[in-house]
Amino acid sequence: MYIKYHDEEWGKEIHDDHTLFEFLILESAQAGLSWITILRRREGYRKAFANFNVKKVAAFDDQDVERLMNDTGIIRNRLKILSAINNAKLFIEVQKEFGSFDKYLYSFMPDGKPIINHTNKIPASTPISDAISKDMKKRGFKFFGTTICYAHMQATGMVNDHIPDCSFK
């Protein structure tokens, strides 16, 4: 599963807001846990969070929170569940302001383009992830610190951190 994810998804450039929202939910859930823990629950998250439909998630209410708290297919952390709903509402606000969440994220990138790392050094965060995370925090996003932000950037191809001799570079 992990190898398939590496070979087929990680570091591939994504500009689709639906997928960007999926990774926002998944990366936020991953805070303090290993990525494989979340990857194994990805289908559970897909079912629990309305196939990552941002408008549906933004409309979740207290009943949905309780349903999610009892869902063994996801990480049952109330703060993370509440943040997913909050982040969905804020995601929609960013879309309205920038035209898309993708345009918002790429407004932080040099020349609006992804970064290809040509070294074997893979940082946990960068000045760009610091800036995005800081701006998102100011907007009210939760569970999206600079390390989680950088992981999101890697997952969605904003940064390609495959090592130079990796055949998926």
N, C-alpha and C. Protein backbone atom coordinates (compact mmCIF):
# COMPACT_ATOMS: atom_id res chain seq x y z
N MET A 1 0.83 -1.19 0.00
CA MET A 1 0.00 0.00 0.00
C MET A 1 0.87 1.26 0.00
N TYR A 2 1.88 1.25 0.86
CA TYR A 2 2.77 2.41 0.97
C TYR A 2 3.57 2.59 -0.31
N ILE A 3 4.06 1.49 -0.87
CA ILE A 3 4.85 1.55 -2.11
C ILE A 3 3.97 2.04 -3.26
N LYS A 4 2.74 1.53 -3.34
CA LYS A 4 1.81 1.96 -4.38
C LYS A 4 1.54 3.46 -4.26
N TYR A 5 1.34 3.93 -3.04
CA TYR A 5 1.12 5.36 -2.81
C TYR A 5 2.34 6.16 -3.28
N HIS A 6 3.54 5.72 -2.90
CA HIS A 6 4.78 6.40 -3.32
C HIS A 6 4.88 6.43 -4.84
N ASP A 7 4.66 5.28 -5.46
CA ASP A 7 4.89 5.16 -6.89
C ASP A 7 3.82 5.86 -7.74
N GLU A 8 2.60 5.93 -7.24
CA GLU A 8 1.51 6.42 -8.07
C GLU A 8 0.97 7.80 -7.68
N GLU A 9 1.23 8.25 -6.43
CA GLU A 9 0.63 9.50 -6.00
C GLU A 9 1.61 10.53 -5.45
N TRP A 10 2.45 10.13 -4.52
CA TRP A 10 3.28 11.06 -3.77
C TRP A 10 4.17 11.88 -4.70
N GLY A 11 4.07 13.18 -4.59
CA GLY A 11 4.91 14.06 -5.40
C GLY A 11 4.37 14.36 -6.78
N LYS A 12 3.24 13.78 -7.13
CA LYS A 12 2.63 14.06 -8.44
C LYS A 12 1.83 15.36 -8.31
N GLU A 13 2.02 16.23 -9.26
CA GLU A 13 1.39 17.55 -9.22
C GLU A 13 -0.13 17.44 -9.36
N ILE A 14 -0.82 18.04 -8.40
CA ILE A 14 -2.29 18.04 -8.36
C ILE A 14 -2.77 19.48 -8.32
N HIS A 15 -3.77 19.77 -9.13
CA HIS A 15 -4.36 21.11 -9.12
C HIS A 15 -5.87 21.06 -8.93
N ASP A 16 -6.38 19.90 -8.60
CA ASP A 16 -7.81 19.68 -8.41
C ASP A 16 -8.19 19.95 -6.96
N ASP A 17 -9.10 20.89 -6.73
CA ASP A 17 -9.48 21.25 -5.37
C ASP A 17 -10.07 20.08 -4.58
N HIS A 18 -10.78 19.20 -5.25
CA HIS A 18 -11.35 18.04 -4.54
C HIS A 18 -10.23 17.20 -3.92
N THR A 19 -9.20 16.92 -4.68
CA THR A 19 -8.07 16.12 -4.18
C THR A 19 -7.27 16.91 -3.15
N LEU A 20 -7.13 18.20 -3.36
CA LEU A 20 -6.43 19.03 -2.37
C LEU A 20 -7.17 19.01 -1.04
N PHE A 21 -8.50 19.02 -1.09
CA PHE A 21 -9.28 18.94 0.15
C PHE A 21 -9.11 17.56 0.80
N GLU A 22 -9.11 16.52 0.00
CA GLU A 22 -8.89 15.18 0.54
C GLU A 22 -7.57 15.14 1.32
N PHE A 23 -6.52 15.64 0.72
CA PHE A 23 -5.23 15.62 1.41
C PHE A 23 -5.19 16.56 2.61
N LEU A 24 -5.94 17.64 2.57
CA LEU A 24 -6.03 18.52 3.74
C LEU A 24 -6.63 17.75 4.92
N ILE A 25 -7.71 17.01 4.65
CA ILE A 25 -8.35 16.20 5.70
C ILE A 25 -7.39 15.12 6.19
N LEU A 26 -6.79 14.39 5.26
CA LEU A 26 -5.91 13.28 5.63
C LEU A 26 -4.66 13.75 6.36
N GLU A 27 -4.02 14.78 5.84
CA GLU A 27 -2.80 15.28 6.48
C GLU A 27 -3.09 15.83 7.87
N SER A 28 -4.21 16.52 8.03
CA SER A 28 -4.59 17.04 9.35
C SER A 28 -4.85 15.91 10.33
N ALA A 29 -5.47 14.84 9.85
CA ALA A 29 -5.73 13.68 10.71
C ALA A 29 -4.43 12.99 11.11
N GLN A 30 -3.42 13.12 10.27
CA GLN A 30 -2.15 12.45 10.49
C GLN A 30 -1.32 13.10 11.60
N ALA A 31 -1.61 14.33 11.96
CA ALA A 31 -0.82 15.05 12.97
C ALA A 31 -0.55 14.16 14.18
N GLY A 32 0.72 13.93 14.46
CA GLY A 32 1.13 13.11 15.60
C GLY A 32 1.13 11.61 15.34
N LEU A 33 0.75 11.21 14.13
CA LEU A 33 0.68 9.78 13.78
C LEU A 33 1.54 9.52 12.55
N SER A 34 1.71 8.27 12.22
CA SER A 34 2.45 7.93 11.00
C SER A 34 1.52 8.00 9.80
N TRP A 35 2.09 8.30 8.65
CA TRP A 35 1.28 8.40 7.43
C TRP A 35 0.63 7.07 7.09
N ILE A 36 1.32 5.98 7.32
CA ILE A 36 0.75 4.67 6.99
C ILE A 36 -0.52 4.41 7.80
N THR A 37 -0.59 4.93 9.02
CA THR A 37 -1.80 4.79 9.84
C THR A 37 -2.99 5.43 9.13
N ILE A 38 -2.78 6.58 8.54
CA ILE A 38 -3.85 7.28 7.83
C ILE A 38 -4.11 6.61 6.48
N LEU A 39 -3.06 6.23 5.80
CA LEU A 39 -3.22 5.58 4.49
C LEU A 39 -4.08 4.32 4.61
N ARG A 40 -3.88 3.58 5.68
CA ARG A 40 -4.68 2.36 5.89
C ARG A 40 -6.15 2.69 6.16
N ARG A 41 -6.44 3.88 6.61
CA ARG A 41 -7.81 4.30 6.91
C ARG A 41 -8.40 5.21 5.82
N ARG A 42 -7.70 5.36 4.73
CA ARG A 42 -8.14 6.30 3.69
C ARG A 42 -9.56 6.00 3.21
N GLU A 43 -9.86 4.75 2.97
CA GLU A 43 -11.22 4.39 2.52
C GLU A 43 -12.24 4.71 3.60
N GLY A 44 -11.87 4.49 4.85
CA GLY A 44 -12.75 4.84 5.96
C GLY A 44 -13.03 6.33 5.98
N TYR A 45 -11.99 7.12 5.74
CA TYR A 45 -12.17 8.58 5.67
C TYR A 45 -13.04 8.96 4.49
N ARG A 46 -12.83 8.30 3.37
CA ARG A 46 -13.63 8.59 2.18
C ARG A 46 -15.11 8.39 2.48
N LYS A 47 -15.45 7.28 3.13
CA LYS A 47 -16.85 6.99 3.46
C LYS A 47 -17.36 7.95 4.54
N ALA A 48 -16.58 8.15 5.57
CA ALA A 48 -17.01 8.98 6.71
C ALA A 48 -17.16 10.45 6.34
N PHE A 49 -16.35 10.93 5.42
CA PHE A 49 -16.34 12.35 5.07
C PHE A 49 -16.90 12.59 3.66
N ALA A 50 -18.02 11.90 3.36
CA ALA A 50 -18.81 12.18 2.15
C ALA A 50 -17.95 12.23 0.88
N ASN A 51 -17.06 11.26 0.75
CA ASN A 51 -16.16 11.20 -0.41
C ASN A 51 -15.39 12.51 -0.60
N PHE A 52 -15.08 13.15 0.53
CA PHE A 52 -14.32 14.41 0.56
C PHE A 52 -15.03 15.53 -0.22
N ASN A 53 -16.35 15.52 -0.16
CA ASN A 53 -17.14 16.61 -0.74
C ASN A 53 -17.10 17.77 0.25
N VAL A 54 -16.39 18.81 -0.09
CA VAL A 54 -16.14 19.91 0.85
C VAL A 54 -17.43 20.57 1.32
N LYS A 55 -18.40 20.72 0.45
CA LYS A 55 -19.67 21.37 0.85
C LYS A 55 -20.43 20.50 1.84
N LYS A 56 -20.43 19.20 1.61
CA LYS A 56 -21.12 18.30 2.54
C LYS A 56 -20.43 18.28 3.89
N VAL A 57 -19.10 18.22 3.88
CA VAL A 57 -18.35 18.19 5.15
C VAL A 57 -18.56 19.51 5.90
N ALA A 58 -18.57 20.62 5.19
CA ALA A 58 -18.78 21.92 5.83
C ALA A 58 -20.16 22.00 6.51
N ALA A 59 -21.10 21.20 6.04
CA ALA A 59 -22.46 21.22 6.59
C ALA A 59 -22.66 20.18 7.71
N PHE A 60 -21.62 19.42 8.04
CA PHE A 60 -21.74 18.43 9.12
C PHE A 60 -22.16 19.13 10.41
N ASP A 61 -23.01 18.45 11.18
CA ASP A 61 -23.50 19.01 12.44
C ASP A 61 -23.10 18.12 13.61
N ASP A 62 -23.66 18.40 14.78
CA ASP A 62 -23.31 17.65 15.99
C ASP A 62 -23.61 16.15 15.84
N GLN A 63 -24.68 15.82 15.13
CA GLN A 63 -25.00 14.40 14.90
C GLN A 63 -23.89 13.74 14.09
N ASP A 64 -23.40 14.44 13.10
CA ASP A 64 -22.31 13.91 12.29
C ASP A 64 -21.05 13.73 13.12
N VAL A 65 -20.78 14.68 14.01
CA VAL A 65 -19.60 14.57 14.87
C VAL A 65 -19.71 13.30 15.71
N GLU A 66 -20.88 13.04 16.28
CA GLU A 66 -21.07 11.83 17.09
C GLU A 66 -20.94 10.57 16.24
N ARG A 67 -21.48 10.62 15.02
CA ARG A 67 -21.34 9.48 14.10
C ARG A 67 -19.86 9.21 13.83
N LEU A 68 -19.11 10.27 13.59
CA LEU A 68 -17.69 10.12 13.31
C LEU A 68 -16.91 9.63 14.53
N MET A 69 -17.31 10.07 15.70
CA MET A 69 -16.65 9.63 16.94
C MET A 69 -16.83 8.13 17.17
N ASN A 70 -17.83 7.54 16.54
CA ASN A 70 -18.09 6.10 16.68
C ASN A 70 -17.64 5.30 15.46
N ASP A 71 -17.01 5.95 14.51
CA ASP A 71 -16.59 5.31 13.27
C ASP A 71 -15.19 4.73 13.43
N THR A 72 -15.08 3.42 13.46
CA THR A 72 -13.78 2.77 13.66
C THR A 72 -12.88 2.85 12.42
N GLY A 73 -13.43 3.36 11.31
CA GLY A 73 -12.65 3.46 10.07
C GLY A 73 -11.78 4.70 10.00
N ILE A 74 -11.90 5.58 11.02
CA ILE A 74 -11.11 6.81 11.04
C ILE A 74 -10.46 6.97 12.41
N ILE A 75 -9.62 7.97 12.54
CA ILE A 75 -9.05 8.33 13.85
C ILE A 75 -10.15 9.09 14.60
N ARG A 76 -10.55 8.54 15.74
CA ARG A 76 -11.68 9.12 16.48
C ARG A 76 -11.18 10.11 17.53
N ASN A 77 -10.70 11.21 17.03
CA ASN A 77 -10.22 12.30 17.86
C ASN A 77 -11.16 13.48 17.64
N ARG A 78 -11.89 13.85 18.67
CA ARG A 78 -12.91 14.90 18.53
C ARG A 78 -12.33 16.20 17.97
N LEU A 79 -11.16 16.61 18.47
CA LEU A 79 -10.57 17.86 17.98
C LEU A 79 -10.24 17.78 16.49
N LYS A 80 -9.75 16.64 16.04
CA LYS A 80 -9.43 16.48 14.61
C LYS A 80 -10.70 16.44 13.77
N ILE A 81 -11.74 15.82 14.29
CA ILE A 81 -13.02 15.77 13.57
C ILE A 81 -13.61 17.18 13.46
N LEU A 82 -13.63 17.89 14.56
CA LEU A 82 -14.15 19.26 14.55
C LEU A 82 -13.32 20.16 13.63
N SER A 83 -12.00 19.94 13.63
CA SER A 83 -11.14 20.76 12.77
C SER A 83 -11.40 20.45 11.29
N ALA A 84 -11.71 19.20 10.96
CA ALA A 84 -12.01 18.85 9.57
C ALA A 84 -13.24 19.61 9.08
N ILE A 85 -14.25 19.71 9.93
CA ILE A 85 -15.47 20.44 9.57
C ILE A 85 -15.18 21.93 9.46
N ASN A 86 -14.47 22.46 10.44
CA ASN A 86 -14.05 23.87 10.43
C ASN A 86 -13.21 24.16 9.19
N ASN A 87 -12.24 23.30 8.91
CA ASN A 87 -11.35 23.51 7.77
C ASN A 87 -12.12 23.46 6.45
N ALA A 88 -13.16 22.63 6.38
CA ALA A 88 -13.98 22.57 5.17
C ALA A 88 -14.66 23.92 4.93
N LYS A 89 -15.19 24.51 5.98
CA LYS A 89 -15.85 25.82 5.85
C LYS A 89 -14.84 26.87 5.39
N LEU A 90 -13.65 26.84 5.96
CA LEU A 90 -12.61 27.81 5.60
C LEU A 90 -12.07 27.56 4.19
N PHE A 91 -11.99 26.30 3.79
CA PHE A 91 -11.57 25.92 2.44
C PHE A 91 -12.49 26.60 1.42
N ILE A 92 -13.79 26.55 1.68
CA ILE A 92 -14.77 27.17 0.79
C ILE A 92 -14.57 28.69 0.74
N GLU A 93 -14.28 29.28 1.89
CA GLU A 93 -14.02 30.73 1.93
C GLU A 93 -12.79 31.08 1.10
N VAL A 94 -11.74 30.27 1.19
CA VAL A 94 -10.53 30.51 0.39
C VAL A 94 -10.86 30.36 -1.10
N GLN A 95 -11.66 29.35 -1.44
CA GLN A 95 -12.06 29.18 -2.84
C GLN A 95 -12.78 30.43 -3.36
N LYS A 96 -13.67 30.98 -2.55
CA LYS A 96 -14.40 32.18 -2.95
C LYS A 96 -13.45 33.36 -3.14
N GLU A 97 -12.49 33.48 -2.25
CA GLU A 97 -11.55 34.61 -2.30
C GLU A 97 -10.58 34.52 -3.47
N PHE A 98 -10.06 33.31 -3.74
CA PHE A 98 -8.99 33.14 -4.72
C PHE A 98 -9.46 32.50 -6.03
N GLY A 99 -10.68 32.01 -6.07
CA GLY A 99 -11.16 31.31 -7.27
C GLY A 99 -10.99 29.81 -7.14
N SER A 100 -9.98 29.38 -6.40
CA SER A 100 -9.77 27.96 -6.10
C SER A 100 -8.75 27.86 -4.96
N PHE A 101 -8.79 26.75 -4.26
CA PHE A 101 -7.81 26.53 -3.21
C PHE A 101 -6.43 26.35 -3.84
N ASP A 102 -6.39 25.75 -5.00
CA ASP A 102 -5.14 25.56 -5.74
C ASP A 102 -4.47 26.91 -6.01
N LYS A 103 -5.24 27.88 -6.49
CA LYS A 103 -4.67 29.22 -6.77
C LYS A 103 -4.13 29.84 -5.49
N TYR A 104 -4.84 29.64 -4.40
CA TYR A 104 -4.37 30.15 -3.10
C TYR A 104 -3.01 29.54 -2.76
N LEU A 105 -2.92 28.20 -2.79
CA LEU A 105 -1.66 27.54 -2.42
C LEU A 105 -0.51 27.97 -3.33
N TYR A 106 -0.78 28.00 -4.64
CA TYR A 106 0.30 28.33 -5.58
C TYR A 106 0.66 29.81 -5.57
N SER A 107 -0.14 30.63 -4.91
CA SER A 107 0.24 32.04 -4.77
C SER A 107 1.47 32.20 -3.88
N PHE A 108 1.80 31.16 -3.11
CA PHE A 108 2.98 31.18 -2.24
C PHE A 108 4.22 30.63 -2.95
N MET A 109 4.02 29.98 -4.10
CA MET A 109 5.12 29.30 -4.77
C MET A 109 5.87 30.26 -5.70
N PRO A 110 7.20 30.09 -5.78
CA PRO A 110 7.98 30.94 -6.70
C PRO A 110 7.47 30.78 -8.13
N ASP A 111 7.09 31.87 -8.74
CA ASP A 111 6.54 31.89 -10.10
C ASP A 111 5.30 31.02 -10.23
N GLY A 112 4.65 30.69 -9.12
CA GLY A 112 3.44 29.88 -9.15
C GLY A 112 3.66 28.45 -9.63
N LYS A 113 4.89 27.97 -9.47
CA LYS A 113 5.23 26.63 -9.98
C LYS A 113 5.75 25.73 -8.85
N PRO A 114 5.64 24.40 -9.06
CA PRO A 114 6.17 23.47 -8.06
C PRO A 114 7.69 23.56 -7.96
N ILE A 115 8.19 23.07 -6.85
CA ILE A 115 9.63 23.04 -6.61
C ILE A 115 10.10 21.60 -6.74
N ILE A 116 11.17 21.41 -7.49
CA ILE A 116 11.76 20.08 -7.61
C ILE A 116 13.05 20.08 -6.80
N ASN A 117 13.08 19.26 -5.78
CA ASN A 117 14.25 19.16 -4.91
C ASN A 117 15.28 18.25 -5.60
N HIS A 118 16.45 18.76 -5.85
CA HIS A 118 17.49 17.99 -6.54
C HIS A 118 18.54 17.43 -5.59
N THR A 119 18.23 17.42 -4.29
CA THR A 119 19.19 16.91 -3.32
C THR A 119 18.62 15.67 -2.62
N ASN A 120 19.44 15.06 -1.80
CA ASN A 120 18.98 13.94 -0.97
C ASN A 120 18.45 14.42 0.37
N LYS A 121 18.51 15.72 0.60
CA LYS A 121 18.05 16.28 1.87
C LYS A 121 16.56 16.64 1.75
N ILE A 122 15.76 16.03 2.61
CA ILE A 122 14.33 16.30 2.61
C ILE A 122 13.97 16.96 3.93
N PRO A 123 13.62 18.24 3.86
CA PRO A 123 13.31 18.97 5.10
C PRO A 123 11.94 18.58 5.66
N ALA A 124 11.72 18.91 6.91
CA ALA A 124 10.41 18.71 7.54
C ALA A 124 9.51 19.92 7.29
N SER A 125 10.13 21.05 7.00
CA SER A 125 9.39 22.27 6.70
C SER A 125 10.33 23.21 5.94
N THR A 126 9.74 24.24 5.37
CA THR A 126 10.52 25.24 4.62
C THR A 126 9.91 26.62 4.89
N PRO A 127 10.59 27.67 4.47
CA PRO A 127 9.99 29.00 4.62
C PRO A 127 8.62 29.11 3.91
N ILE A 128 8.45 28.40 2.81
CA ILE A 128 7.15 28.44 2.11
C ILE A 128 6.08 27.75 2.95
N SER A 129 6.38 26.56 3.49
CA SER A 129 5.38 25.89 4.33
C SER A 129 5.11 26.71 5.59
N ASP A 130 6.14 27.39 6.10
CA ASP A 130 5.94 28.29 7.24
C ASP A 130 4.93 29.38 6.89
N ALA A 131 5.10 29.98 5.71
CA ALA A 131 4.23 31.09 5.30
C ALA A 131 2.80 30.62 5.05
N ILE A 132 2.64 29.49 4.37
CA ILE A 132 1.30 28.96 4.11
C ILE A 132 0.62 28.62 5.43
N SER A 133 1.33 27.90 6.28
CA SER A 133 0.78 27.49 7.56
C SER A 133 0.38 28.70 8.40
N LYS A 134 1.23 29.71 8.42
CA LYS A 134 0.95 30.92 9.19
C LYS A 134 -0.30 31.61 8.66
N ASP A 135 -0.41 31.71 7.35
CA ASP A 135 -1.58 32.36 6.75
C ASP A 135 -2.85 31.54 7.02
N MET A 136 -2.74 30.22 6.91
CA MET A 136 -3.91 29.38 7.16
C MET A 136 -4.33 29.46 8.62
N LYS A 137 -3.37 29.50 9.51
CA LYS A 137 -3.69 29.65 10.94
C LYS A 137 -4.42 30.97 11.18
N LYS A 138 -3.94 32.02 10.55
CA LYS A 138 -4.57 33.33 10.67
C LYS A 138 -6.02 33.28 10.17
N ARG A 139 -6.26 32.45 9.17
CA ARG A 139 -7.61 32.29 8.62
C ARG A 139 -8.48 31.38 9.49
N GLY A 140 -7.85 30.68 10.46
CA GLY A 140 -8.61 29.83 11.37
C GLY A 140 -8.48 28.34 11.16
N PHE A 141 -7.65 27.92 10.18
CA PHE A 141 -7.44 26.49 9.96
C PHE A 141 -6.75 25.87 11.18
N LYS A 142 -7.09 24.62 11.47
CA LYS A 142 -6.52 23.88 12.60
C LYS A 142 -5.79 22.64 12.09
N PHE A 143 -4.88 22.14 12.91
CA PHE A 143 -4.11 20.93 12.60
C PHE A 143 -3.43 21.05 11.24
N PHE A 144 -2.81 22.21 10.99
CA PHE A 144 -2.12 22.42 9.73
C PHE A 144 -0.88 23.28 9.96
N GLY A 145 -0.05 22.84 10.91
CA GLY A 145 1.20 23.52 11.18
C GLY A 145 2.17 23.35 10.02
N THR A 146 3.34 23.92 10.14
CA THR A 146 4.29 23.94 9.02
C THR A 146 4.73 22.54 8.59
N THR A 147 4.89 21.60 9.52
CA THR A 147 5.30 20.24 9.14
C THR A 147 4.19 19.52 8.38
N ILE A 148 2.96 19.65 8.87
CA ILE A 148 1.81 19.05 8.17
C ILE A 148 1.63 19.74 6.81
N CYS A 149 1.80 21.04 6.78
CA CYS A 149 1.71 21.79 5.52
C CYS A 149 2.74 21.28 4.52
N TYR A 150 3.97 21.08 4.99
CA TYR A 150 5.00 20.61 4.07
C TYR A 150 4.68 19.20 3.57
N ALA A 151 4.15 18.35 4.43
CA ALA A 151 3.73 17.00 4.00
C ALA A 151 2.63 17.11 2.95
N HIS A 152 1.73 18.06 3.12
CA HIS A 152 0.66 18.29 2.13
C HIS A 152 1.28 18.74 0.80
N MET A 153 2.26 19.62 0.89
CA MET A 153 2.94 20.10 -0.32
C MET A 153 3.63 18.95 -1.05
N GLN A 154 4.26 18.05 -0.29
CA GLN A 154 4.90 16.88 -0.89
C GLN A 154 3.87 15.96 -1.53
N ALA A 155 2.81 15.66 -0.80
CA ALA A 155 1.80 14.72 -1.27
C ALA A 155 1.15 15.20 -2.56
N THR A 156 0.94 16.51 -2.67
CA THR A 156 0.20 17.05 -3.81
C THR A 156 1.11 17.59 -4.92
N GLY A 157 2.40 17.36 -4.81
CA GLY A 157 3.33 17.72 -5.87
C GLY A 157 3.71 19.18 -5.93
N MET A 158 3.37 19.94 -4.91
CA MET A 158 3.86 21.33 -4.86
C MET A 158 5.37 21.31 -4.71
N VAL A 159 5.85 20.25 -4.07
CA VAL A 159 7.28 19.99 -3.92
C VAL A 159 7.50 18.54 -4.32
N ASN A 160 8.48 18.31 -5.16
CA ASN A 160 8.84 16.94 -5.52
C ASN A 160 10.10 16.59 -4.76
N ASP A 161 9.93 15.80 -3.70
CA ASP A 161 11.05 15.43 -2.84
C ASP A 161 11.54 14.00 -3.08
N HIS A 162 11.16 13.41 -4.21
CA HIS A 162 11.74 12.11 -4.53
C HIS A 162 13.26 12.32 -4.65
N ILE A 163 14.03 11.45 -4.05
CA ILE A 163 15.49 11.62 -4.11
C ILE A 163 15.95 11.52 -5.58
N PRO A 164 17.09 12.12 -5.92
CA PRO A 164 17.51 12.19 -7.31
C PRO A 164 17.57 10.86 -8.06
N ASP A 165 17.94 9.77 -7.39
CA ASP A 165 18.02 8.50 -8.12
C ASP A 165 16.73 7.69 -8.06
N CYS A 166 15.67 8.26 -7.53
CA CYS A 166 14.36 7.59 -7.49
C CYS A 166 13.77 7.60 -8.91
N SER A 167 13.30 6.49 -9.37
CA SER A 167 12.74 6.41 -10.73
C SER A 167 11.42 7.16 -10.88
N PHE A 168 10.88 7.65 -9.78
CA PHE A 168 9.61 8.39 -9.85
C PHE A 168 9.82 9.89 -9.74
N LYS A 169 11.10 10.33 -9.79
CA LYS A 169 11.44 11.75 -9.73
C LYS A 169 10.79 12.42 -10.92
